[in-house]
Protein backbone atom coordinates (compact mmCIF):
# COMPACT_ATOMS: atom_id res chain seq x y z
CA UNK A 1 -77.20 -29.47 -24.14
CA UNK A 2 -76.82 -31.23 -20.29
CA UNK A 3 -74.01 -30.21 -19.70
CA UNK A 4 -75.38 -26.24 -19.88
CA UNK A 5 -78.15 -27.32 -18.02
CA UNK A 6 -76.51 -28.41 -14.80
CA UNK A 7 -73.75 -25.51 -15.38
CA UNK A 8 -77.27 -22.94 -15.30
CA UNK A 9 -78.82 -24.89 -12.78
CA UNK A 10 -75.34 -25.07 -10.13
CA UNK A 11 -74.86 -21.91 -10.10
CA UNK A 12 -78.58 -20.75 -9.38
CA UNK A 13 -78.86 -23.38 -6.69
CA UNK A 14 -75.46 -22.00 -4.54
CA UNK A 15 -77.32 -18.44 -4.53
CA UNK A 16 -80.24 -20.27 -2.71
CA UNK A 17 -80.39 -20.99 1.68
CA UNK A 18 -79.80 -23.96 3.06
CA UNK A 19 -82.94 -25.16 5.50
CA UNK A 20 -81.77 -27.87 8.01
CA UNK A 21 -83.64 -31.19 6.88
CA UNK A 22 -81.25 -34.23 6.60
CA UNK A 23 -83.57 -36.58 5.42
CA UNK A 24 -82.67 -35.87 2.31
CA UNK A 25 -79.02 -36.21 2.12
CA UNK A 26 -79.04 -40.21 2.83
CA UNK A 27 -78.66 -40.99 -0.93
CA UNK A 28 -76.83 -41.73 -3.72
CA UNK A 29 -74.62 -38.13 -5.01
CA UNK A 30 -73.21 -37.72 -8.02
CA UNK A 31 -71.20 -35.07 -8.49
CA UNK A 32 -71.62 -32.92 -11.89
CA UNK A 33 -69.59 -29.59 -11.71
CA UNK A 34 -67.12 -28.30 -9.52
CA UNK A 35 -66.32 -24.37 -9.40
CA UNK A 36 -63.91 -22.00 -8.33
CA UNK A 37 -65.72 -20.33 -5.64
CA UNK A 38 -63.78 -16.79 -6.53
CA UNK A 39 -64.86 -16.74 -9.74
CA UNK A 40 -67.25 -19.90 -10.51
CA UNK A 41 -64.33 -20.86 -12.94
CA UNK A 42 -65.41 -24.69 -13.59
CA UNK A 43 -63.20 -27.11 -12.22
CA UNK A 44 -61.45 -30.24 -13.53
CA UNK A 45 -61.41 -32.92 -11.67
CA UNK A 46 -61.90 -36.67 -10.72
CA UNK A 47 -65.90 -36.96 -10.18
CA UNK A 48 -66.23 -38.36 -7.20
CA UNK A 49 -69.51 -39.30 -5.62
CA UNK A 50 -71.33 -39.39 -2.56
CA UNK A 51 -73.32 -42.66 -1.04
CA UNK A 52 -74.53 -41.03 1.65
CA UNK A 53 -75.94 -43.35 4.67
CA UNK A 54 -77.32 -42.47 8.20
CA UNK A 55 -75.32 -44.76 10.03
CA UNK A 56 -72.71 -41.60 9.92
CA UNK A 57 -70.56 -43.84 7.15
CA UNK A 58 -70.35 -42.57 3.68
CA UNK A 59 -69.07 -44.18 0.70
CA UNK A 60 -66.56 -42.32 -1.74
CA UNK A 61 -67.23 -43.93 -5.06
CA UNK A 62 -65.92 -42.40 -8.86
CA UNK A 63 -68.13 -42.35 -12.36
CA UNK A 64 -68.18 -46.63 -13.82
CA UNK A 65 -64.72 -47.39 -11.94
CA UNK A 66 -64.72 -50.31 -9.12
CA UNK A 67 -63.05 -47.80 -6.86
CA UNK A 68 -64.58 -46.96 -3.77
CA UNK A 69 -63.60 -46.08 0.00
CA UNK A 70 -65.83 -46.01 2.70
CA UNK A 71 -65.20 -43.06 5.89
CA UNK A 72 -67.26 -41.95 8.63
CA UNK A 73 -68.74 -38.64 8.72
CA UNK A 74 -70.18 -36.08 11.32
CA UNK A 75 -73.04 -33.67 10.25
CA UNK A 76 -73.88 -30.79 12.62
CA UNK A 77 -75.38 -27.32 11.64
CA UNK A 78 -74.76 -27.70 8.07
CA UNK A 79 -70.81 -28.42 8.11
CA UNK A 80 -70.72 -32.01 7.06
CA UNK A 81 -66.92 -33.20 7.74
CA UNK A 82 -65.41 -36.58 6.21
CA UNK A 83 -61.52 -37.19 5.81
CA UNK A 84 -60.55 -34.55 8.27
CA UNK A 85 -62.34 -32.03 5.43
CA UNK A 86 -64.93 -29.59 6.51
CA UNK A 87 -67.78 -29.02 3.70
CA UNK A 88 -70.59 -26.36 4.33
CA UNK A 89 -74.10 -27.45 3.04
CA UNK A 90 -75.39 -24.52 0.87
CA UNK A 91 -78.72 -26.29 -0.30
CA UNK A 92 -80.25 -29.52 -0.21
CA UNK A 93 -83.45 -31.26 -1.82
CA UNK A 94 -84.62 -34.59 -2.60
CA UNK A 95 -82.76 -34.12 -5.79
CA UNK A 96 -80.00 -31.96 -5.72
CA UNK A 97 -76.10 -31.26 -2.96
CA UNK A 98 -74.68 -28.35 -3.11
CA UNK A 99 -71.45 -28.24 -0.65
CA UNK A 100 -68.62 -25.71 0.21
CA UNK A 101 -64.90 -26.47 0.69
CA UNK A 102 -62.12 -23.80 1.62
CA UNK A 103 -59.59 -27.11 1.99
CA UNK A 104 -56.34 -25.84 -0.66
CA UNK A 105 -58.87 -23.35 -2.02
CA UNK A 106 -62.46 -22.54 -2.15
CA UNK A 107 -64.05 -25.20 -4.27
CA UNK A 108 -68.00 -25.17 -5.07
CA UNK A 109 -69.15 -28.65 -5.64
CA UNK A 110 -72.92 -29.23 -7.07
CA UNK A 111 -74.63 -32.88 -6.86
CA UNK A 112 -77.45 -34.76 -8.77
CA UNK A 113 -79.28 -37.42 -6.74
CA UNK A 114 -79.06 -40.69 -9.00
CA UNK A 115 -82.79 -40.52 -8.78
CA UNK A 116 -82.62 -37.32 -11.17
CA UNK A 117 -80.51 -38.49 -13.01
CA UNK A 118 -82.17 -41.45 -14.36
CA UNK A 119 -84.96 -39.33 -14.88
CA UNK A 120 -82.76 -37.09 -17.33
CA UNK A 121 -81.24 -40.75 -18.41
CA UNK A 122 -84.83 -42.59 -18.81
CA UNK A 123 -85.66 -41.32 -21.94
CA UNK A 124 -82.30 -41.16 -23.87
CA UNK A 125 -82.62 -44.45 -26.09
CA UNK A 126 -82.62 -46.06 -29.11
CA UNK A 127 -84.22 -48.75 -30.93
CA UNK A 128 -81.54 -51.50 -32.22
CA UNK A 129 -83.48 -54.52 -34.06
CA UNK A 130 -87.09 -54.30 -31.74
CA UNK A 131 -84.42 -53.73 -28.56
CA UNK A 132 -84.32 -50.24 -26.82
CA UNK A 133 -80.94 -49.46 -25.96
CA UNK A 134 -80.14 -46.92 -23.54
CA UNK A 135 -76.45 -44.44 -24.89
CA UNK A 136 -73.99 -45.11 -21.34
CA UNK A 137 -73.18 -42.27 -19.75
CA UNK A 138 -70.50 -41.00 -17.38
CA UNK A 139 -73.02 -41.71 -14.44
CA UNK A 140 -74.61 -45.38 -16.09
CA UNK A 141 -72.93 -47.52 -18.15
CA UNK A 142 -71.65 -51.71 -18.57
CA UNK A 143 -69.02 -52.30 -16.42
CA UNK A 144 -65.93 -54.68 -17.55
CA UNK A 145 -64.90 -57.25 -14.84
CA UNK A 146 -61.43 -56.68 -13.73
CA UNK A 147 -60.48 -53.46 -14.64
CA UNK A 148 -61.22 -50.06 -13.34
CA UNK A 149 -62.85 -48.81 -16.88
CA UNK A 150 -63.36 -50.24 -19.95
CA UNK A 151 -61.85 -46.81 -21.39
CA UNK A 152 -58.58 -47.96 -19.01
CA UNK A 153 -59.07 -51.33 -21.26
CA UNK A 154 -58.69 -50.10 -24.08
CA UNK A 155 -56.43 -47.41 -23.88
CA UNK A 156 -53.86 -50.27 -22.34
CA UNK A 157 -55.10 -53.03 -25.35
CA UNK A 158 -55.13 -50.81 -29.07
CA UNK A 159 -52.05 -52.20 -30.97
CA UNK A 160 -49.85 -49.32 -31.43
CA UNK A 161 -51.26 -46.30 -28.90
CA UNK A 162 -48.44 -45.51 -27.31
CA UNK A 163 -46.35 -45.57 -30.16
CA UNK A 164 -48.26 -43.67 -32.70
CA UNK A 165 -48.78 -39.73 -32.32
CA UNK A 166 -52.37 -39.02 -33.82
CA UNK A 167 -53.79 -42.53 -33.90
CA UNK A 168 -57.50 -42.23 -33.23
CA UNK A 169 -58.97 -45.51 -31.36
CA UNK A 170 -63.00 -45.71 -31.76
CA UNK A 171 -65.67 -47.50 -30.86
CA UNK A 172 -69.40 -48.09 -30.50
CA UNK A 173 -70.39 -51.20 -28.43
CA UNK A 174 -73.89 -52.29 -27.84
CA UNK A 175 -73.28 -54.66 -23.98
CA UNK A 176 -76.79 -55.95 -23.12
CA UNK A 177 -79.15 -56.67 -20.67
CA UNK A 178 -77.37 -60.00 -20.02
CA UNK A 179 -73.95 -58.60 -20.37
CA UNK A 180 -73.83 -60.20 -23.47
CA UNK A 181 -71.31 -58.51 -26.76
CA UNK A 182 -74.08 -57.14 -28.98
CA UNK A 183 -73.38 -54.83 -32.48
CA UNK A 184 -70.01 -53.03 -32.66
CA UNK A 185 -68.08 -50.56 -34.96
CA UNK A 186 -64.95 -49.54 -34.75
CA UNK A 187 -61.52 -47.94 -36.19
CA UNK A 188 -57.67 -47.66 -35.77
CA UNK A 189 -56.66 -45.15 -38.02
CA UNK A 190 -52.65 -45.60 -38.52
CA UNK A 191 -53.14 -49.59 -39.67
CA UNK A 192 -54.77 -50.13 -42.22
CA UNK A 193 -57.18 -53.26 -41.76
CA UNK A 194 -58.03 -52.69 -38.00
CA UNK A 195 -61.08 -54.67 -38.43
CA UNK A 196 -59.34 -58.30 -37.42
CA UNK A 197 -57.16 -56.29 -34.19
CA UNK A 198 -61.15 -54.95 -33.08
CA UNK A 199 -62.33 -58.21 -33.01
CA UNK A 200 -59.96 -59.37 -31.01
CA UNK A 201 -60.26 -56.41 -28.40
CA UNK A 202 -64.11 -57.26 -28.40
CA UNK A 203 -63.63 -60.60 -28.64
CA UNK A 204 -61.25 -61.04 -25.05
CA UNK A 205 -64.04 -59.05 -23.33
CA UNK A 206 -66.67 -61.19 -24.00
CA UNK A 207 -68.31 -63.08 -20.85
CA UNK A 208 -66.80 -60.06 -18.53
CA UNK A 209 -69.29 -57.48 -18.67
CA UNK A 210 -71.63 -56.73 -15.94
CA UNK A 211 -74.73 -54.77 -17.68
CA UNK A 212 -75.67 -50.77 -17.21
CA UNK A 213 -78.33 -50.37 -14.45
CA UNK A 214 -81.35 -47.62 -14.22
CA UNK A 215 -83.44 -47.95 -12.02
CA UNK A 216 -81.98 -50.59 -10.34
CA UNK A 217 -82.64 -52.88 -13.95
CA UNK A 218 -80.36 -54.20 -16.10
CA UNK A 219 -80.99 -52.76 -19.98
CA UNK A 220 -79.42 -52.57 -23.09
CA UNK A 221 -76.66 -50.04 -23.47
CA UNK A 222 -74.51 -48.53 -26.04
CA UNK A 223 -70.87 -47.20 -25.40
CA UNK A 224 -69.07 -45.05 -27.47
CA UNK A 225 -65.05 -44.58 -26.67
CA UNK A 226 -62.89 -42.55 -29.16
CA UNK A 227 -59.25 -41.75 -27.62
CA UNK A 228 -56.01 -40.10 -29.77
CA UNK A 229 -53.14 -40.59 -28.84
CA UNK A 230 -51.01 -37.52 -29.04
CA UNK A 231 -48.80 -35.61 -26.50
CA UNK A 232 -51.09 -37.16 -24.15
CA UNK A 233 -53.60 -39.17 -24.68
CA UNK A 234 -57.31 -37.23 -25.40
CA UNK A 235 -60.05 -39.47 -24.41
CA UNK A 236 -63.65 -38.52 -25.40
CA UNK A 237 -66.91 -40.80 -24.45
CA UNK A 238 -70.48 -41.13 -23.57
């Protein structure tokens, strides 16, 4: 449902004009959708994000991964240039940014601000034993230390996932606001009595979590991971 909302908003957004007020530009932007300019079809690619600063530097970072790169940029006549690529700013508000690049082929990129994503997520929670638990998303989630993402840890560590086809691994795990492991449940479809394997995987992460943050405050979060080994690894989550 939320994804369809992003798509509708972004397509409407590209059809309006940009007013040159750059004050709203200097904040964190999260890429929500990418489109082919010719037919507005969605392009599947890594969700790279931007933290644009007023000192002519910006940081390119990725959702819930400890990968980032700081580069310089220039800005003139609605053209944002970084990494030797020109991006035309088509629309800018305090909550949304739309840009177009003709590098390689013409692409449209639609971003939402960190604050707007927070407003969308703040009501996405449930109660567990009297505690408020927020659902982790591709934009806000706990982080596992010394791993690019917790998805990569579970994919690398789950037994048999690279040797048995159609093996499904899934887990639901609460990480509290202190970064501590809470309740969890999981399954590995291709082995019998997977509880011990699941427990071992979880136990090895204890003391290595950083909590999820909303509005710069640590919160309790539920992460959901599911992937299937076949000809390729099919990942589902959040």
